[in-house]
Amino acid sequence: MSLNSPLGAETVNGDGFGFGWYAEDAAAGAAPFVFRSTEPAWNDVNLREISRSLRSPLFFAHIRAAAAPPIQQTNCHPFRHDNWLFMHNGAIAGFSRIKRDLVLDVDPELYPTIQGTTDSEVLFHLALTMGLTDDPVRAMGDAIRRVEAAGQAVDIPFPMQGTIAVSDGHTLWAFRYSTQGRTRTLFHSTDIPTLRHMYPDAERLSAFGDHAQVVVSEPLNDLPGAFVEVGESTVVILDGTGYRHQPFLAA
């Protein structure tokens, strides 16, 4: 999708990339690993080498199309804190006008861990400040409401836009929300046994285990029914029991 993202705000995303992963035998609470680069994803030889042998129960992958912040490794997603990973596809409108207010709301102990200049990293640290590690859904909602209040105080009508993914290594929370109610797309896969039943002759499905799941900004193939679109103002929670959808900051 770095070269061709037809449903994205930008069809080409070549301003860097990153991926994070958890070790196969990691203990609960173990920190994930992160690899980030300012190279276009399609042009990074190291990515090809690493991906040939790397195994993990949970991957995060992000491709970047930079807006105002500079192209540098510290601005590439995903962002990490302890055993948590975070990435964001979207933007905080008028971020330069409200950045100071938002950063001052970050817990002073967390502030030194902000390494880059993106709105996404500040949003992550706001959510951490508001209790992300205890209750991701509530904290993410509180952080977004803070962004909206700061933006609307300076006459930014639609401050928040985007899809967000957060994980502690065992559970994945994926949010779709924008102030305007016109959020960038978010999909997740149908379970593999169901797909095999739907497409018994699709040999490519044999490459996946029964519990393989993926959450993406847009479908990765053209098989009807292979991907389910996540609705506006919704959080999808993926754990060992499968997917659950629930309302998020719904009006």
C-alpha atoms as a PDB file:
ATOM      1  CA  MET A   1       0.000   0.000   0.000  1.00  0.00           C
ATOM      2  CA  SER A   2       2.992   2.308   0.170  1.00  0.00           C
ATOM      3  CA  LEU A   3       2.948   2.611  -3.628  1.00  0.00           C
ATOM      4  CA  ASN A   4      -0.793   2.322  -4.194  1.00  0.00           C
ATOM      5  CA  SER A   5      -3.312   3.292  -1.522  1.00  0.00           C
ATOM      6  CA  PRO A   6      -6.521   4.052  -3.430  1.00  0.00           C
ATOM      7  CA  LEU A   7      -8.642   4.650  -0.307  1.00  0.00           C
ATOM      8  CA  GLY A   8      -6.059   6.765   1.478  1.00  0.00           C
ATOM      9  CA  ALA A   9      -5.708  10.511   1.680  1.00  0.00           C
ATOM     10  CA  GLU A  10      -2.466  10.054  -0.270  1.00  0.00           C
ATOM     11  CA  THR A  11      -2.141   7.288  -2.851  1.00  0.00           C
ATOM     12  CA  VAL A  12       1.647   7.078  -2.421  1.00  0.00           C
ATOM     13  CA  ASN A  13       3.183   6.883   1.059  1.00  0.00           C
ATOM     14  CA  GLY A  14       6.944   7.161   0.686  1.00  0.00           C
ATOM     15  CA  ASP A  15       8.055   9.319   3.623  1.00  0.00           C
ATOM     16  CA  GLY A  16       9.315   6.490   5.753  1.00  0.00           C
ATOM     17  CA  PHE A  17       7.840   3.469   7.475  1.00  0.00           C
ATOM     18  CA  GLY A  18       8.101   1.446  10.623  1.00  0.00           C
ATOM     19  CA  PHE A  19       7.061  -1.797  12.178  1.00  0.00           C
ATOM     20  CA  GLY A  20       6.952  -3.153  15.686  1.00  0.00           C
ATOM     21  CA  TRP A  21       6.743  -6.713  16.935  1.00  0.00           C
ATOM     22  CA  TYR A  22       6.627  -8.806  20.079  1.00  0.00           C
ATOM     23  CA  ALA A  23       8.886 -11.811  20.618  1.00  0.00           C
ATOM     24  CA  GLU A  24       7.225 -15.195  20.179  1.00  0.00           C
ATOM     25  CA  ASP A  25       8.043 -16.302  23.727  1.00  0.00           C
ATOM     26  CA  ALA A  26       7.770 -12.888  25.372  1.00  0.00           C
ATOM     27  CA  ALA A  27       6.568 -12.789  28.962  1.00  0.00           C
ATOM     28  CA  ALA A  28       3.577 -10.647  29.849  1.00  0.00           C
ATOM     29  CA  GLY A  29       4.602  -7.003  29.922  1.00  0.00           C
ATOM     30  CA  ALA A  30       7.743  -7.492  27.840  1.00  0.00           C
ATOM     31  CA  ALA A  31       8.711  -4.547  25.640  1.00  0.00           C
ATOM     32  CA  PRO A  32       8.281  -4.927  21.878  1.00  0.00           C
ATOM     33  CA  PHE A  33      10.920  -4.250  19.252  1.00  0.00           C
ATOM     34  CA  VAL A  34      10.708  -1.387  16.747  1.00  0.00           C
ATOM     35  CA  PHE A  35      12.361  -0.848  13.361  1.00  0.00           C
ATOM     36  CA  ARG A  36      11.847   2.538  11.679  1.00  0.00           C
ATOM     37  CA  SER A  37      13.329   4.123   8.591  1.00  0.00           C
ATOM     38  CA  THR A  38      12.963   7.264   6.485  1.00  0.00           C
ATOM     39  CA  GLU A  39      13.382   5.154   3.327  1.00  0.00           C
ATOM     40  CA  PRO A  40      10.291   4.399   1.242  1.00  0.00           C
ATOM     41  CA  ALA A  41       9.065   0.973   2.322  1.00  0.00           C
ATOM     42  CA  TRP A  42       9.391  -0.401  -1.193  1.00  0.00           C
ATOM     43  CA  ASN A  43      13.057   0.587  -1.372  1.00  0.00           C
ATOM     44  CA  ASP A  44      14.457  -0.616   1.958  1.00  0.00           C
ATOM     45  CA  VAL A  45      16.750  -3.636   1.584  1.00  0.00           C
ATOM     46  CA  ASN A  46      16.998  -4.133   5.357  1.00  0.00           C
ATOM     47  CA  LEU A  47      13.225  -4.520   5.601  1.00  0.00           C
ATOM     48  CA  ARG A  48      13.312  -7.320   3.038  1.00  0.00           C
ATOM     49  CA  GLU A  49      16.106  -9.085   4.906  1.00  0.00           C
ATOM     50  CA  ILE A  50      14.466  -8.817   8.321  1.00  0.00           C
ATOM     51  CA  SER A  51      11.013  -9.867   7.111  1.00  0.00           C
ATOM     52  CA  ARG A  52      12.354 -13.093   5.609  1.00  0.00           C
ATOM     53  CA  SER A  53      13.061 -14.655   8.995  1.00  0.00           C
ATOM     54  CA  LEU A  54      11.241 -12.642  11.643  1.00  0.00           C
ATOM     55  CA  ARG A  55       8.434 -14.418  13.515  1.00  0.00           C
ATOM     56  CA  SER A  56       6.006 -12.820  15.942  1.00  0.00           C
ATOM     57  CA  PRO A  57       2.472 -13.345  17.253  1.00  0.00           C
ATOM     58  CA  LEU A  58       1.692  -9.656  16.702  1.00  0.00           C
ATOM     59  CA  PHE A  59       3.060  -7.123  14.218  1.00  0.00           C
ATOM     60  CA  PHE A  60       2.426  -3.404  13.784  1.00  0.00           C
ATOM     61  CA  ALA A  61       3.269  -1.888  10.376  1.00  0.00           C
ATOM     62  CA  HIS A  62       2.948   1.735   9.258  1.00  0.00           C
ATOM     63  CA  ILE A  63       3.758   3.645   6.076  1.00  0.00           C
ATOM     64  CA  ARG A  64       4.054   7.414   6.228  1.00  0.00           C
ATOM     65  CA  ALA A  65       3.040  10.349   4.064  1.00  0.00           C
ATOM     66  CA  ALA A  66       4.410  13.351   5.954  1.00  0.00           C
ATOM     67  CA  ALA A  67       2.383  16.518   6.416  1.00  0.00           C
ATOM     68  CA  ALA A  68       4.129  19.368   8.202  1.00  0.00           C
ATOM     69  CA  PRO A  69       6.540  17.506  10.528  1.00  0.00           C
ATOM     70  CA  PRO A  70      10.005  16.693   9.092  1.00  0.00           C
ATOM     71  CA  ILE A  71      10.976  13.317   7.665  1.00  0.00           C
ATOM     72  CA  GLN A  72      13.103  11.728  10.379  1.00  0.00           C
ATOM     73  CA  GLN A  73      13.205   8.381  12.151  1.00  0.00           C
ATOM     74  CA  THR A  74      11.706   9.708  15.374  1.00  0.00           C
ATOM     75  CA  ASN A  75       8.613  10.807  13.441  1.00  0.00           C
ATOM     76  CA  CYS A  76       7.999   7.352  11.961  1.00  0.00           C
ATOM     77  CA  HIS A  77       5.384   5.149  13.590  1.00  0.00           C
ATOM     78  CA  PRO A  78       4.845   2.994  15.563  1.00  0.00           C
ATOM     79  CA  PHE A  79       5.646   4.691  18.856  1.00  0.00           C
ATOM     80  CA  ARG A  80       6.545   2.623  21.919  1.00  0.00           C
ATOM     81  CA  HIS A  81       6.197   2.988  25.667  1.00  0.00           C
ATOM     82  CA  ASP A  82       7.090   0.025  27.885  1.00  0.00           C
ATOM     83  CA  ASN A  83       5.086  -2.889  26.416  1.00  0.00           C
ATOM     84  CA  TRP A  84       2.722  -0.643  24.425  1.00  0.00           C
ATOM     85  CA  LEU A  85       2.745   0.200  20.710  1.00  0.00           C
ATOM     86  CA  PHE A  86       0.770   3.017  19.070  1.00  0.00           C
ATOM     87  CA  MET A  87       0.228   4.240  15.521  1.00  0.00           C
ATOM     88  CA  HIS A  88      -2.113   6.740  13.895  1.00  0.00           C
ATOM     89  CA  ASN A  89      -3.358   7.265  10.354  1.00  0.00           C
ATOM     90  CA  GLY A  90      -4.707  10.806  10.227  1.00  0.00           C
ATOM     91  CA  ALA A  91      -3.984  14.231  11.658  1.00  0.00           C
ATOM     92  CA  ILE A  92      -4.824  16.795  14.307  1.00  0.00           C
ATOM     93  CA  ALA A  93      -5.978  19.847  12.388  1.00  0.00           C
ATOM     94  CA  GLY A  94      -4.147  23.066  13.203  1.00  0.00           C
ATOM     95  CA  PHE A  95      -1.724  21.151  15.405  1.00  0.00           C
ATOM     96  CA  SER A  96       0.855  23.947  15.466  1.00  0.00           C
ATOM     97  CA  ARG A  97      -1.745  26.251  17.033  1.00  0.00           C
ATOM     98  CA  ILE A  98      -2.619  23.912  19.900  1.00  0.00           C
ATOM     99  CA  LYS A  99       0.579  21.904  20.318  1.00  0.00           C
ATOM    100  CA  ARG A 100       1.768  23.900  23.334  1.00  0.00           C
ATOM    101  CA  ASP A 101      -1.502  23.403  25.207  1.00  0.00           C
ATOM    102  CA  LEU A 102      -1.538  19.670  24.501  1.00  0.00           C
ATOM    103  CA  VAL A 103       2.104  19.083  25.385  1.00  0.00           C
ATOM    104  CA  LEU A 104       1.666  20.910  28.702  1.00  0.00           C
ATOM    105  CA  ASP A 105      -1.052  18.376  29.554  1.00  0.00           C
ATOM    106  CA  VAL A 106       1.382  15.467  29.229  1.00  0.00           C
ATOM    107  CA  ASP A 107       2.569  13.967  32.513  1.00  0.00           C
ATOM    108  CA  PRO A 108       5.973  15.554  33.338  1.00  0.00           C
ATOM    109  CA  GLU A 109       7.459  12.065  33.791  1.00  0.00           C
ATOM    110  CA  LEU A 110       6.361  11.116  30.264  1.00  0.00           C
ATOM    111  CA  TYR A 111       7.345  14.363  28.568  1.00  0.00           C
ATOM    112  CA  PRO A 112      11.064  13.451  28.150  1.00  0.00           C
ATOM    113  CA  THR A 113      10.087  10.346  26.167  1.00  0.00           C
ATOM    114  CA  ILE A 114       8.568  12.427  23.345  1.00  0.00           C
ATOM    115  CA  GLN A 115      11.337  12.131  20.769  1.00  0.00           C
ATOM    116  CA  GLY A 116       9.793  13.513  17.576  1.00  0.00           C
ATOM    117  CA  THR A 117       7.595  16.381  16.437  1.00  0.00           C
ATOM    118  CA  THR A 118       4.384  14.701  15.263  1.00  0.00           C
ATOM    119  CA  ASP A 119       0.841  15.249  16.441  1.00  0.00           C
ATOM    120  CA  SER A 120       0.499  11.458  16.665  1.00  0.00           C
ATOM    121  CA  GLU A 121       3.229  11.066  19.272  1.00  0.00           C
ATOM    122  CA  VAL A 122       1.722  13.844  21.384  1.00  0.00           C
ATOM    123  CA  LEU A 123      -1.683  12.134  21.153  1.00  0.00           C
ATOM    124  CA  PHE A 124      -0.087   8.887  22.342  1.00  0.00           C
ATOM    125  CA  HIS A 125       1.478  10.618  25.334  1.00  0.00           C
ATOM    126  CA  LEU A 126      -1.785  12.349  26.167  1.00  0.00           C
ATOM    127  CA  ALA A 127      -3.511   8.965  26.193  1.00  0.00           C
ATOM    128  CA  LEU A 128      -0.751   7.515  28.383  1.00  0.00           C
ATOM    129  CA  THR A 129      -1.183  10.456  30.764  1.00  0.00           C
ATOM    130  CA  MET A 130      -4.909   9.760  30.929  1.00  0.00           C
ATOM    131  CA  GLY A 131      -4.515   6.082  31.790  1.00  0.00           C
ATOM    132  CA  LEU A 132      -4.022   4.191  28.544  1.00  0.00           C
ATOM    133  CA  THR A 133      -2.299   1.286  30.254  1.00  0.00           C
ATOM    134  CA  ASP A 134      -5.252   0.759  32.602  1.00  0.00           C
ATOM    135  CA  ASP A 135      -8.214   1.414  30.283  1.00  0.00           C
ATOM    136  CA  PRO A 136      -7.275   2.023  26.625  1.00  0.00           C
ATOM    137  CA  VAL A 137     -10.786   2.847  25.398  1.00  0.00           C
ATOM    138  CA  ARG A 138     -11.544   5.384  28.107  1.00  0.00           C
ATOM    139  CA  ALA A 139      -8.094   6.983  27.975  1.00  0.00           C
ATOM    140  CA  MET A 140      -8.085   7.252  24.196  1.00  0.00           C
ATOM    141  CA  GLY A 141     -11.498   8.888  24.359  1.00  0.00           C
ATOM    142  CA  ASP A 142     -10.345  11.349  27.016  1.00  0.00           C
ATOM    143  CA  ALA A 143      -7.255  12.255  24.987  1.00  0.00           C
ATOM    144  CA  ILE A 144      -9.287  12.873  21.836  1.00  0.00           C
ATOM    145  CA  ARG A 145     -11.820  14.970  23.732  1.00  0.00           C
ATOM    146  CA  ARG A 146      -8.907  17.073  25.037  1.00  0.00           C
ATOM    147  CA  VAL A 147      -7.663  17.574  21.471  1.00  0.00           C
ATOM    148  CA  GLU A 148     -11.148  18.610  20.359  1.00  0.00           C
ATOM    149  CA  ALA A 149     -11.549  21.063  23.223  1.00  0.00           C
ATOM    150  CA  ALA A 150      -8.161  22.656  22.506  1.00  0.00           C
ATOM    151  CA  GLY A 151      -8.923  22.941  18.809  1.00  0.00           C
ATOM    152  CA  GLN A 152     -12.405  24.320  19.182  1.00  0.00           C
ATOM    153  CA  ALA A 153     -11.106  26.922  21.666  1.00  0.00           C
ATOM    154  CA  VAL A 154      -9.167  28.497  18.775  1.00  0.00           C
ATOM    155  CA  ASP A 155     -11.955  28.032  16.205  1.00  0.00           C
ATOM    156  CA  ILE A 156     -10.723  24.821  14.577  1.00  0.00           C
ATOM    157  CA  PRO A 157     -14.081  23.193  13.718  1.00  0.00           C
ATOM    158  CA  PHE A 158     -12.910  19.597  13.168  1.00  0.00           C
ATOM    159  CA  PRO A 159      -9.730  19.021  15.189  1.00  0.00           C
ATOM    160  CA  MET A 160      -9.474  15.228  15.149  1.00  0.00           C
ATOM    161  CA  GLN A 161      -9.178  12.867  12.184  1.00  0.00           C
ATOM    162  CA  GLY A 162      -7.935   9.344  11.971  1.00  0.00           C
ATOM    163  CA  THR A 163      -7.701   5.687  12.764  1.00  0.00           C
ATOM    164  CA  ILE A 164      -5.572   4.547  15.687  1.00  0.00           C
ATOM    165  CA  ALA A 165      -4.095   1.198  16.686  1.00  0.00           C
ATOM    166  CA  VAL A 166      -2.855   0.383  20.196  1.00  0.00           C
ATOM    167  CA  SER A 167      -1.560  -2.875  21.671  1.00  0.00           C
ATOM    168  CA  ASP A 168      -0.058  -4.253  24.863  1.00  0.00           C
ATOM    169  CA  GLY A 169       1.219  -7.359  23.068  1.00  0.00           C
ATOM    170  CA  HIS A 170      -1.835  -9.513  23.755  1.00  0.00           C
ATOM    171  CA  THR A 171      -4.819  -7.372  22.802  1.00  0.00           C
ATOM    172  CA  LEU A 172      -5.237  -4.943  19.912  1.00  0.00           C
ATOM    173  CA  TRP A 173      -7.525  -1.906  20.060  1.00  0.00           C
ATOM    174  CA  ALA A 174      -8.279  -0.209  16.714  1.00  0.00           C
ATOM    175  CA  PHE A 175     -10.240   3.061  16.703  1.00  0.00           C
ATOM    176  CA  ARG A 176     -12.020   4.831  13.875  1.00  0.00           C
ATOM    177  CA  TYR A 177     -13.085   8.366  14.756  1.00  0.00           C
ATOM    178  CA  SER A 178     -13.091  11.962  13.514  1.00  0.00           C
ATOM    179  CA  THR A 179     -14.752  15.092  14.820  1.00  0.00           C
ATOM    180  CA  GLN A 180     -16.446  15.566  11.451  1.00  0.00           C
ATOM    181  CA  GLY A 181     -17.664  11.980  11.224  1.00  0.00           C
ATOM    182  CA  ARG A 182     -15.794  11.419   7.946  1.00  0.00           C
ATOM    183  CA  THR A 183     -12.918   9.258   9.102  1.00  0.00           C
ATOM    184  CA  ARG A 184     -10.325   7.481   6.991  1.00  0.00           C
ATOM    185  CA  THR A 185     -11.230   3.866   6.357  1.00  0.00           C
ATOM    186  CA  LEU A 186     -10.525   0.901   8.628  1.00  0.00           C
ATOM    187  CA  PHE A 187     -11.078  -2.807   7.932  1.00  0.00           C
ATOM    188  CA  HIS A 188     -10.365  -6.144   9.531  1.00  0.00           C
ATOM    189  CA  SER A 189     -10.156  -9.605   8.023  1.00  0.00           C
ATOM    190  CA  THR A 190     -12.770 -12.320   8.177  1.00  0.00           C
ATOM    191  CA  ASP A 191     -11.593 -15.404  10.074  1.00  0.00           C
ATOM    192  CA  ILE A 192      -9.556 -17.835   7.976  1.00  0.00           C
ATOM    193  CA  PRO A 193     -11.772 -20.945   8.432  1.00  0.00           C
ATOM    194  CA  THR A 194     -14.751 -18.968   7.131  1.00  0.00           C
ATOM    195  CA  LEU A 195     -12.751 -17.735   4.156  1.00  0.00           C
ATOM    196  CA  ARG A 196     -11.582 -21.246   3.331  1.00  0.00           C
ATOM    197  CA  HIS A 197     -15.195 -22.385   3.364  1.00  0.00           C
ATOM    198  CA  MET A 198     -16.170 -19.479   1.097  1.00  0.00           C
ATOM    199  CA  TYR A 199     -13.242 -20.031  -1.290  1.00  0.00           C
ATOM    200  CA  PRO A 200     -12.241 -23.723  -1.189  1.00  0.00           C
ATOM    201  CA  ASP A 201     -10.155 -23.336  -4.362  1.00  0.00           C
ATOM    202  CA  ALA A 202      -8.171 -20.293  -3.173  1.00  0.00           C
ATOM    203  CA  GLU A 203      -4.768 -21.856  -2.596  1.00  0.00           C
ATOM    204  CA  ARG A 204      -3.295 -18.619  -1.222  1.00  0.00           C
ATOM    205  CA  LEU A 205      -5.403 -19.057   1.930  1.00  0.00           C
ATOM    206  CA  SER A 206      -3.390 -22.140   2.856  1.00  0.00           C
ATOM    207  CA  ALA A 207      -0.479 -19.848   3.762  1.00  0.00           C
ATOM    208  CA  PHE A 208      -2.357 -18.603   6.836  1.00  0.00           C
ATOM    209  CA  GLY A 209      -2.992 -20.312  10.145  1.00  0.00           C
ATOM    210  CA  ASP A 210      -6.520 -20.673  11.463  1.00  0.00           C
ATOM    211  CA  HIS A 211      -6.056 -17.777  13.891  1.00  0.00           C
ATOM    212  CA  ALA A 212      -4.420 -15.274  11.516  1.00  0.00           C
ATOM    213  CA  GLN A 213      -6.082 -11.861  11.676  1.00  0.00           C
ATOM    214  CA  VAL A 214      -5.246  -8.469  10.212  1.00  0.00           C
ATOM    215  CA  VAL A 215      -6.515  -4.925  10.797  1.00  0.00           C
ATOM    216  CA  VAL A 216      -5.767  -2.572   7.907  1.00  0.00           C
ATOM    217  CA  SER A 217      -6.605   0.841   6.495  1.00  0.00           C
ATOM    218  CA  GLU A 218      -7.935  -0.768   3.314  1.00  0.00           C
ATOM    219  CA  PRO A 219      -8.465  -4.316   1.988  1.00  0.00           C
ATOM    220  CA  LEU A 220      -5.381  -6.221   0.896  1.00  0.00           C
ATOM    221  CA  ASN A 221      -7.111  -8.293  -1.775  1.00  0.00           C
ATOM    222  CA  ASP A 222     -10.194  -8.369  -3.962  1.00  0.00           C
ATOM    223  CA  LEU A 223     -11.937 -11.420  -2.481  1.00  0.00           C
ATOM    224  CA  PRO A 224     -15.524 -10.383  -1.663  1.00  0.00           C
ATOM    225  CA  GLY A 225     -16.208 -10.880   2.025  1.00  0.00           C
ATOM    226  CA  ALA A 226     -12.547 -11.180   2.978  1.00  0.00           C
ATOM    227  CA  PHE A 227     -12.588  -7.861   4.844  1.00  0.00           C
ATOM    228  CA  VAL A 228     -15.163  -6.189   7.095  1.00  0.00           C
ATOM    229  CA  GLU A 229     -15.350  -2.402   7.229  1.00  0.00           C
ATOM    230  CA  VAL A 230     -15.305  -0.850  10.689  1.00  0.00           C
ATOM    231  CA  GLY A 231     -18.000   1.784  11.164  1.00  0.00           C
ATOM    232  CA  GLU A 232     -17.589   5.406  12.177  1.00  0.00           C
ATOM    233  CA  SER A 233     -17.040   6.101  15.879  1.00  0.00           C
ATOM    234  CA  THR A 234     -16.187   2.497  16.609  1.00  0.00           C
ATOM    235  CA  VAL A 235     -13.418   0.649  18.432  1.00  0.00           C
ATOM    236  CA  VAL A 236     -12.565  -2.910  17.429  1.00  0.00           C
ATOM    237  CA  ILE A 237     -11.000  -5.062  20.126  1.00  0.00           C
ATOM    238  CA  LEU A 238      -9.076  -8.138  18.996  1.00  0.00           C
ATOM    239  CA  ASP A 239      -7.880 -10.751  21.486  1.00  0.00           C
ATOM    240  CA  GLY A 240      -7.759 -14.520  21.743  1.00  0.00           C
ATOM    241  CA  THR A 241     -11.550 -14.759  21.457  1.00  0.00           C
ATOM    242  CA  GLY A 242     -11.738 -12.827  18.174  1.00  0.00           C
ATOM    243  CA  TYR A 243     -13.146  -9.413  17.269  1.00  0.00           C
ATOM    244  CA  ARG A 244     -15.549  -7.258  19.252  1.00  0.00           C
ATOM    245  CA  HIS A 245     -16.980  -3.950  17.982  1.00  0.00           C
ATOM    246  CA  GLN A 246     -18.245  -1.290  20.356  1.00  0.00           C
ATOM    247  CA  PRO A 247     -19.251   2.377  20.029  1.00  0.00           C
ATOM    248  CA  PHE A 248     -16.510   4.933  20.607  1.00  0.00           C
ATOM    249  CA  LEU A 249     -17.281   8.616  21.340  1.00  0.00           C
ATOM    250  CA  ALA A 250     -20.556   8.189  19.474  1.00  0.00           C
ATOM    251  CA  ALA A 251     -22.783  11.261  19.440  1.00  0.00           C
END
